[in-house]
Amino acid sequence: MNKINPITCVATSDLKVQIPDDQGRNIVLYFYPKDDTPGCTTEGQDFTRLNQQFINHNTVVYGVSRESIASHDKFICKYDFNFDLISDSDEVLCNQFGVIQLKKLYGKEYLGIVRSTFIISPEGNILQHWDKVRVKGHADEVLEIIKTL
């Protein structure tokens, strides 16, 4: 997939998010498995720490999981995130980006979100993507790519 189909999503702050961005910004869209879990919390904190630098480079950051807006609001509040989270409870966005895959935990198989990140241009082109993301240093790596655009 090189270009995404335009979509409108529901996010925290009563926000309707247009993907691609209708304000001419790049989007960093990072998919994560579950609110308030260790890796997902660290990833959110890392993007929060760097968010102003993303903004300075004409880029908006959104986290995406299947959790509800209410769950996202608690997660943001608990850890003081400074960007919005998209609720994809119907999995439309997850399916468009192919991030729901077969996973294993304690020998049991299930379908879940594979931690993935995409940089999307204002024209809807996928400029960069990462699959099976390792959290440590990831937000910094994404920012370095944004700085080159």
N, C-alpha and C. Protein backbone atom coordinates (compact mmCIF):
# COMPACT_ATOMS: atom_id res chain seq x y z
N MET A 1 0.85 -1.18 0.00
CA MET A 1 0.00 0.00 0.00
C MET A 1 0.89 1.24 0.00
N ASN A 2 0.74 2.08 -1.01
CA ASN A 2 1.52 3.30 -1.09
C ASN A 2 0.70 4.54 -0.81
N LYS A 3 -0.61 4.46 -1.04
CA LYS A 3 -1.50 5.59 -0.84
C LYS A 3 -2.72 5.09 -0.07
N ILE A 4 -3.18 5.90 0.88
CA ILE A 4 -4.31 5.46 1.69
C ILE A 4 -5.63 5.99 1.13
N ASN A 5 -6.69 5.29 1.43
CA ASN A 5 -8.03 5.76 1.12
C ASN A 5 -8.41 6.78 2.19
N PRO A 6 -8.89 7.96 1.80
CA PRO A 6 -9.27 8.96 2.80
C PRO A 6 -10.32 8.41 3.77
N ILE A 7 -10.18 8.79 5.02
CA ILE A 7 -11.08 8.31 6.06
C ILE A 7 -11.20 9.37 7.15
N THR A 8 -12.35 9.40 7.79
CA THR A 8 -12.57 10.28 8.93
C THR A 8 -12.71 9.39 10.16
N CYS A 9 -11.98 9.71 11.22
CA CYS A 9 -11.95 8.91 12.44
C CYS A 9 -12.38 9.75 13.64
N VAL A 10 -12.82 9.06 14.67
CA VAL A 10 -13.20 9.71 15.92
C VAL A 10 -12.02 9.62 16.88
N ALA A 11 -11.69 10.77 17.48
CA ALA A 11 -10.56 10.82 18.42
C ALA A 11 -10.98 11.54 19.69
N THR A 12 -10.08 11.52 20.64
CA THR A 12 -10.30 12.24 21.89
C THR A 12 -10.43 13.73 21.60
N SER A 13 -10.81 14.52 22.58
CA SER A 13 -11.04 15.98 22.44
C SER A 13 -12.20 16.27 21.48
N ASP A 14 -13.13 15.29 21.34
CA ASP A 14 -14.26 15.44 20.40
C ASP A 14 -13.79 15.79 19.00
N LEU A 15 -12.67 15.22 18.60
CA LEU A 15 -12.03 15.54 17.33
C LEU A 15 -12.46 14.57 16.25
N LYS A 16 -12.73 15.10 15.07
CA LYS A 16 -12.93 14.29 13.87
C LYS A 16 -11.63 14.43 13.07
N VAL A 17 -10.91 13.34 12.96
CA VAL A 17 -9.59 13.35 12.31
C VAL A 17 -9.75 12.94 10.85
N GLN A 18 -9.24 13.77 9.97
CA GLN A 18 -9.20 13.47 8.53
C GLN A 18 -7.84 12.87 8.21
N ILE A 19 -7.87 11.70 7.60
CA ILE A 19 -6.63 11.07 7.15
C ILE A 19 -6.79 10.82 5.66
N PRO A 20 -5.97 11.45 4.81
CA PRO A 20 -4.87 12.34 5.13
C PRO A 20 -5.35 13.65 5.74
N ASP A 21 -4.40 14.40 6.29
CA ASP A 21 -4.72 15.62 7.01
C ASP A 21 -5.27 16.68 6.07
N ASP A 22 -6.35 17.33 6.47
CA ASP A 22 -6.98 18.36 5.64
C ASP A 22 -6.40 19.75 5.90
N GLN A 23 -5.35 19.82 6.75
CA GLN A 23 -4.70 21.10 7.04
C GLN A 23 -3.27 21.15 6.49
N GLY A 24 -2.93 20.21 5.62
CA GLY A 24 -1.63 20.26 4.95
C GLY A 24 -0.46 19.75 5.78
N ARG A 25 -0.74 19.00 6.84
CA ARG A 25 0.35 18.48 7.69
C ARG A 25 0.60 17.00 7.38
N ASN A 26 1.82 16.56 7.69
CA ASN A 26 2.10 15.13 7.72
C ASN A 26 1.44 14.55 8.96
N ILE A 27 1.13 13.27 8.90
CA ILE A 27 0.57 12.57 10.06
C ILE A 27 1.50 11.44 10.44
N VAL A 28 1.80 11.34 11.74
CA VAL A 28 2.41 10.13 12.29
C VAL A 28 1.27 9.37 12.95
N LEU A 29 0.97 8.22 12.41
CA LEU A 29 -0.11 7.37 12.90
C LEU A 29 0.54 6.14 13.50
N TYR A 30 0.47 6.02 14.84
CA TYR A 30 1.07 4.84 15.44
C TYR A 30 -0.03 3.98 16.07
N PHE A 31 0.00 2.71 15.72
CA PHE A 31 -0.97 1.73 16.21
C PHE A 31 -0.36 0.99 17.38
N TYR A 32 -1.14 0.83 18.44
CA TYR A 32 -0.65 0.14 19.62
C TYR A 32 -1.74 -0.80 20.14
N PRO A 33 -1.36 -1.86 20.85
CA PRO A 33 -2.34 -2.88 21.25
C PRO A 33 -3.39 -2.46 22.28
N LYS A 34 -2.98 -1.78 23.38
CA LYS A 34 -3.94 -1.59 24.47
C LYS A 34 -3.54 -0.42 25.36
N ASP A 35 -4.54 0.35 25.77
CA ASP A 35 -4.31 1.46 26.69
C ASP A 35 -3.77 0.96 28.03
N ASP A 36 -2.92 1.78 28.63
CA ASP A 36 -2.45 1.58 30.01
C ASP A 36 -1.72 0.27 30.24
N THR A 37 -0.96 -0.16 29.24
CA THR A 37 -0.06 -1.30 29.40
C THR A 37 1.37 -0.76 29.30
N PRO A 38 2.35 -1.47 29.82
CA PRO A 38 3.70 -0.90 29.92
C PRO A 38 4.29 -0.36 28.61
N GLY A 39 4.32 -1.18 27.57
CA GLY A 39 4.92 -0.74 26.30
C GLY A 39 4.14 0.40 25.67
N CYS A 40 2.81 0.32 25.73
CA CYS A 40 1.97 1.35 25.13
C CYS A 40 2.09 2.67 25.89
N THR A 41 2.25 2.57 27.20
CA THR A 41 2.44 3.77 28.01
C THR A 41 3.78 4.43 27.68
N THR A 42 4.84 3.65 27.62
CA THR A 42 6.16 4.19 27.29
C THR A 42 6.14 4.85 25.91
N GLU A 43 5.51 4.20 24.94
CA GLU A 43 5.45 4.76 23.59
C GLU A 43 4.71 6.10 23.60
N GLY A 44 3.59 6.17 24.30
CA GLY A 44 2.84 7.42 24.41
C GLY A 44 3.64 8.51 25.10
N GLN A 45 4.37 8.14 26.13
CA GLN A 45 5.20 9.13 26.84
C GLN A 45 6.33 9.64 25.94
N ASP A 46 6.90 8.75 25.13
CA ASP A 46 7.97 9.17 24.21
C ASP A 46 7.44 10.14 23.16
N PHE A 47 6.27 9.84 22.59
CA PHE A 47 5.69 10.77 21.61
C PHE A 47 5.29 12.08 22.27
N THR A 48 4.84 12.04 23.53
CA THR A 48 4.51 13.26 24.26
C THR A 48 5.75 14.13 24.44
N ARG A 49 6.86 13.50 24.83
CA ARG A 49 8.11 14.22 25.05
C ARG A 49 8.58 14.94 23.79
N LEU A 50 8.32 14.35 22.63
CA LEU A 50 8.81 14.89 21.36
C LEU A 50 7.74 15.65 20.56
N ASN A 51 6.52 15.70 21.09
CA ASN A 51 5.41 16.22 20.28
C ASN A 51 5.64 17.63 19.76
N GLN A 52 6.19 18.52 20.56
CA GLN A 52 6.40 19.89 20.08
C GLN A 52 7.35 19.92 18.89
N GLN A 53 8.33 19.03 18.87
CA GLN A 53 9.25 18.97 17.73
C GLN A 53 8.52 18.48 16.47
N PHE A 54 7.59 17.51 16.65
CA PHE A 54 6.79 17.07 15.51
C PHE A 54 5.96 18.24 14.98
N ILE A 55 5.33 18.99 15.89
CA ILE A 55 4.52 20.15 15.50
C ILE A 55 5.38 21.17 14.75
N ASN A 56 6.58 21.39 15.25
CA ASN A 56 7.50 22.35 14.60
C ASN A 56 7.86 21.92 13.18
N HIS A 57 7.71 20.64 12.88
CA HIS A 57 8.01 20.11 11.55
C HIS A 57 6.72 19.78 10.79
N ASN A 58 5.65 20.54 11.07
CA ASN A 58 4.38 20.43 10.35
C ASN A 58 3.82 19.01 10.36
N THR A 59 3.87 18.39 11.52
CA THR A 59 3.42 17.01 11.66
C THR A 59 2.55 16.87 12.89
N VAL A 60 1.47 16.11 12.75
CA VAL A 60 0.58 15.81 13.87
C VAL A 60 0.68 14.32 14.18
N VAL A 61 0.69 14.01 15.48
CA VAL A 61 0.82 12.63 15.95
C VAL A 61 -0.54 12.15 16.47
N TYR A 62 -0.92 10.92 16.08
CA TYR A 62 -2.11 10.27 16.62
C TYR A 62 -1.76 8.83 16.97
N GLY A 63 -2.18 8.40 18.15
CA GLY A 63 -2.10 7.00 18.52
C GLY A 63 -3.43 6.35 18.19
N VAL A 64 -3.40 5.07 17.80
CA VAL A 64 -4.62 4.35 17.42
C VAL A 64 -4.66 2.99 18.10
N SER A 65 -5.79 2.69 18.73
CA SER A 65 -6.05 1.33 19.19
C SER A 65 -7.54 1.08 19.10
N ARG A 66 -7.96 -0.13 19.46
CA ARG A 66 -9.37 -0.49 19.37
C ARG A 66 -10.16 -0.06 20.61
N GLU A 67 -9.49 0.51 21.59
CA GLU A 67 -10.17 0.95 22.82
C GLU A 67 -11.14 2.09 22.55
N SER A 68 -12.08 2.26 23.46
CA SER A 68 -13.10 3.30 23.35
C SER A 68 -12.50 4.68 23.64
N ILE A 69 -13.26 5.71 23.29
CA ILE A 69 -12.85 7.08 23.60
C ILE A 69 -12.74 7.26 25.12
N ALA A 70 -13.66 6.68 25.87
CA ALA A 70 -13.61 6.79 27.34
C ALA A 70 -12.31 6.20 27.88
N SER A 71 -11.91 5.04 27.37
CA SER A 71 -10.65 4.42 27.79
C SER A 71 -9.47 5.31 27.40
N HIS A 72 -9.50 5.85 26.18
CA HIS A 72 -8.43 6.74 25.71
C HIS A 72 -8.33 7.98 26.59
N ASP A 73 -9.49 8.56 26.94
CA ASP A 73 -9.49 9.77 27.79
C ASP A 73 -8.80 9.50 29.13
N LYS A 74 -9.09 8.35 29.74
CA LYS A 74 -8.46 7.98 31.02
C LYS A 74 -6.95 7.81 30.84
N PHE A 75 -6.56 7.16 29.75
CA PHE A 75 -5.16 6.91 29.45
C PHE A 75 -4.40 8.23 29.27
N ILE A 76 -4.97 9.15 28.50
CA ILE A 76 -4.36 10.46 28.29
C ILE A 76 -4.22 11.21 29.60
N CYS A 77 -5.30 11.19 30.38
CA CYS A 77 -5.33 11.94 31.64
C CYS A 77 -4.30 11.38 32.64
N LYS A 78 -4.23 10.07 32.72
CA LYS A 78 -3.33 9.42 33.68
C LYS A 78 -1.87 9.73 33.40
N TYR A 79 -1.51 9.81 32.11
CA TYR A 79 -0.10 9.99 31.74
C TYR A 79 0.19 11.35 31.09
N ASP A 80 -0.81 12.21 31.04
CA ASP A 80 -0.60 13.59 30.57
C ASP A 80 -0.10 13.65 29.12
N PHE A 81 -0.66 12.82 28.25
CA PHE A 81 -0.30 12.87 26.84
C PHE A 81 -0.76 14.19 26.26
N ASN A 82 0.00 14.73 25.31
CA ASN A 82 -0.31 16.03 24.71
C ASN A 82 -0.70 15.91 23.23
N PHE A 83 -1.26 14.78 22.86
CA PHE A 83 -1.78 14.54 21.52
C PHE A 83 -3.01 13.66 21.66
N ASP A 84 -3.78 13.54 20.59
CA ASP A 84 -5.04 12.79 20.65
C ASP A 84 -4.86 11.33 20.24
N LEU A 85 -5.78 10.52 20.75
CA LEU A 85 -5.82 9.09 20.43
C LEU A 85 -7.10 8.81 19.64
N ILE A 86 -6.97 7.99 18.62
CA ILE A 86 -8.10 7.61 17.76
C ILE A 86 -8.65 6.28 18.25
N SER A 87 -9.98 6.23 18.37
CA SER A 87 -10.66 4.98 18.71
C SER A 87 -11.06 4.28 17.41
N ASP A 88 -10.57 3.05 17.23
CA ASP A 88 -10.90 2.27 16.04
C ASP A 88 -11.58 0.97 16.46
N SER A 89 -12.66 1.12 17.23
CA SER A 89 -13.35 -0.05 17.76
C SER A 89 -13.96 -0.92 16.67
N ASP A 90 -14.27 -0.32 15.52
CA ASP A 90 -14.82 -1.10 14.40
C ASP A 90 -13.72 -1.66 13.49
N GLU A 91 -12.47 -1.35 13.80
CA GLU A 91 -11.28 -1.88 13.12
C GLU A 91 -11.13 -1.46 11.66
N VAL A 92 -11.85 -0.44 11.23
CA VAL A 92 -11.76 0.01 9.83
C VAL A 92 -10.35 0.52 9.52
N LEU A 93 -9.83 1.38 10.38
CA LEU A 93 -8.49 1.93 10.17
C LEU A 93 -7.43 0.83 10.31
N CYS A 94 -7.56 -0.01 11.33
CA CYS A 94 -6.61 -1.12 11.52
C CYS A 94 -6.57 -2.03 10.29
N ASN A 95 -7.74 -2.31 9.74
CA ASN A 95 -7.79 -3.19 8.57
C ASN A 95 -7.21 -2.50 7.33
N GLN A 96 -7.45 -1.20 7.18
CA GLN A 96 -6.89 -0.48 6.04
C GLN A 96 -5.37 -0.53 6.05
N PHE A 97 -4.78 -0.48 7.24
CA PHE A 97 -3.33 -0.48 7.36
C PHE A 97 -2.75 -1.88 7.62
N GLY A 98 -3.61 -2.88 7.74
CA GLY A 98 -3.15 -4.26 7.88
C GLY A 98 -2.41 -4.55 9.17
N VAL A 99 -2.81 -3.90 10.27
CA VAL A 99 -2.07 -4.07 11.52
C VAL A 99 -2.66 -5.12 12.45
N ILE A 100 -3.82 -5.67 12.11
CA ILE A 100 -4.37 -6.76 12.92
C ILE A 100 -3.86 -8.06 12.33
N GLN A 101 -3.10 -8.76 13.15
CA GLN A 101 -2.45 -9.99 12.70
C GLN A 101 -2.52 -11.04 13.79
N LEU A 102 -2.21 -12.26 13.41
CA LEU A 102 -2.18 -13.37 14.36
C LEU A 102 -0.99 -13.19 15.29
N LYS A 103 -1.27 -13.24 16.59
CA LYS A 103 -0.22 -13.10 17.60
C LYS A 103 -0.29 -14.28 18.55
N LYS A 104 0.77 -14.46 19.32
CA LYS A 104 0.81 -15.53 20.33
C LYS A 104 1.17 -14.95 21.67
N LEU A 105 0.47 -15.41 22.70
CA LEU A 105 0.78 -15.02 24.07
C LEU A 105 0.57 -16.24 24.95
N TYR A 106 1.63 -16.65 25.63
CA TYR A 106 1.57 -17.83 26.49
C TYR A 106 1.04 -19.05 25.75
N GLY A 107 1.45 -19.20 24.48
CA GLY A 107 1.07 -20.35 23.69
C GLY A 107 -0.30 -20.27 23.04
N LYS A 108 -1.06 -19.22 23.33
CA LYS A 108 -2.39 -19.08 22.73
C LYS A 108 -2.32 -18.08 21.58
N GLU A 109 -3.01 -18.42 20.49
CA GLU A 109 -3.05 -17.55 19.34
C GLU A 109 -4.31 -16.68 19.38
N TYR A 110 -4.17 -15.44 18.93
CA TYR A 110 -5.30 -14.52 18.86
C TYR A 110 -4.99 -13.44 17.83
N LEU A 111 -6.02 -12.74 17.39
CA LEU A 111 -5.82 -11.62 16.48
C LEU A 111 -5.68 -10.34 17.29
N GLY A 112 -4.62 -9.62 17.04
CA GLY A 112 -4.38 -8.38 17.79
C GLY A 112 -3.62 -7.38 16.95
N ILE A 113 -3.53 -6.17 17.47
CA ILE A 113 -2.80 -5.11 16.78
C ILE A 113 -1.30 -5.34 16.95
N VAL A 114 -0.61 -5.38 15.82
CA VAL A 114 0.85 -5.43 15.82
C VAL A 114 1.34 -3.98 15.83
N ARG A 115 2.16 -3.65 16.83
CA ARG A 115 2.64 -2.28 16.98
C ARG A 115 3.30 -1.82 15.67
N SER A 116 2.72 -0.78 15.06
CA SER A 116 3.16 -0.30 13.74
C SER A 116 3.02 1.21 13.69
N THR A 117 3.85 1.85 12.86
CA THR A 117 3.81 3.30 12.70
C THR A 117 3.89 3.65 11.22
N PHE A 118 3.13 4.68 10.84
CA PHE A 118 3.09 5.15 9.46
C PHE A 118 3.25 6.66 9.44
N ILE A 119 4.02 7.16 8.49
CA ILE A 119 4.06 8.60 8.21
C ILE A 119 3.29 8.80 6.92
N ILE A 120 2.28 9.68 6.99
CA ILE A 120 1.38 9.92 5.86
C ILE A 120 1.49 11.38 5.44
N SER A 121 1.69 11.60 4.15
CA SER A 121 1.79 12.96 3.63
C SER A 121 0.39 13.58 3.53
N PRO A 122 0.32 14.92 3.37
CA PRO A 122 -0.99 15.56 3.18
C PRO A 122 -1.73 15.06 1.94
N GLU A 123 -1.01 14.48 0.99
CA GLU A 123 -1.63 13.93 -0.22
C GLU A 123 -2.10 12.48 -0.03
N GLY A 124 -1.81 11.90 1.13
CA GLY A 124 -2.25 10.53 1.41
C GLY A 124 -1.23 9.47 1.06
N ASN A 125 -0.01 9.88 0.74
CA ASN A 125 1.04 8.90 0.45
C ASN A 125 1.69 8.41 1.73
N ILE A 126 1.96 7.13 1.80
CA ILE A 126 2.70 6.58 2.93
C ILE A 126 4.18 6.80 2.63
N LEU A 127 4.78 7.68 3.43
CA LEU A 127 6.17 8.06 3.21
C LEU A 127 7.14 7.10 3.90
N GLN A 128 6.69 6.49 4.99
CA GLN A 128 7.54 5.57 5.75
C GLN A 128 6.62 4.72 6.63
N HIS A 129 7.00 3.49 6.85
CA HIS A 129 6.25 2.68 7.83
C HIS A 129 7.18 1.70 8.53
N TRP A 130 6.79 1.37 9.75
CA TRP A 130 7.51 0.43 10.59
C TRP A 130 6.53 -0.63 11.05
N ASP A 131 6.92 -1.89 10.96
CA ASP A 131 6.12 -3.00 11.46
C ASP A 131 6.82 -3.64 12.65
N LYS A 132 6.04 -4.22 13.54
CA LYS A 132 6.58 -4.92 14.71
C LYS A 132 7.58 -4.03 15.45
N VAL A 133 7.12 -2.85 15.78
CA VAL A 133 7.94 -1.80 16.39
C VAL A 133 8.45 -2.22 17.77
N ARG A 134 9.69 -1.94 18.02
CA ARG A 134 10.27 -2.00 19.37
C ARG A 134 10.18 -0.59 19.93
N VAL A 135 9.61 -0.44 21.11
CA VAL A 135 9.28 0.88 21.65
C VAL A 135 10.51 1.74 21.91
N LYS A 136 11.53 1.16 22.53
CA LYS A 136 12.70 1.95 22.94
C LYS A 136 13.33 2.65 21.73
N GLY A 137 13.35 3.98 21.78
CA GLY A 137 13.98 4.79 20.74
C GLY A 137 13.14 5.00 19.49
N HIS A 138 11.96 4.39 19.43
CA HIS A 138 11.16 4.46 18.21
C HIS A 138 10.69 5.89 17.90
N ALA A 139 10.13 6.58 18.87
CA ALA A 139 9.63 7.95 18.64
C ALA A 139 10.76 8.85 18.14
N ASP A 140 11.95 8.68 18.70
CA ASP A 140 13.11 9.46 18.26
C ASP A 140 13.45 9.15 16.80
N GLU A 141 13.37 7.89 16.43
CA GLU A 141 13.66 7.47 15.06
C GLU A 141 12.63 8.08 14.09
N VAL A 142 11.36 8.07 14.48
CA VAL A 142 10.31 8.65 13.64
C VAL A 142 10.57 10.15 13.46
N LEU A 143 10.92 10.83 14.54
CA LEU A 143 11.19 12.27 14.46
C LEU A 143 12.35 12.55 13.51
N GLU A 144 13.39 11.74 13.54
CA GLU A 144 14.54 11.95 12.65
C GLU A 144 14.11 11.86 11.18
N ILE A 145 13.21 10.95 10.86
CA ILE A 145 12.69 10.83 9.49
C ILE A 145 11.88 12.08 9.14
N ILE A 146 11.03 12.51 10.07
CA ILE A 146 10.20 13.72 9.85
C ILE A 146 11.09 14.92 9.55
N LYS A 147 12.18 15.03 10.25
CA LYS A 147 13.09 16.17 10.04
C LYS A 147 13.68 16.22 8.63
N THR A 148 13.72 15.07 7.95
CA THR A 148 14.29 15.01 6.59
C THR A 148 13.27 15.32 5.51
N LEU A 149 12.00 15.41 5.87
CA LEU A 149 10.94 15.63 4.86
C LEU A 149 10.83 17.09 4.47
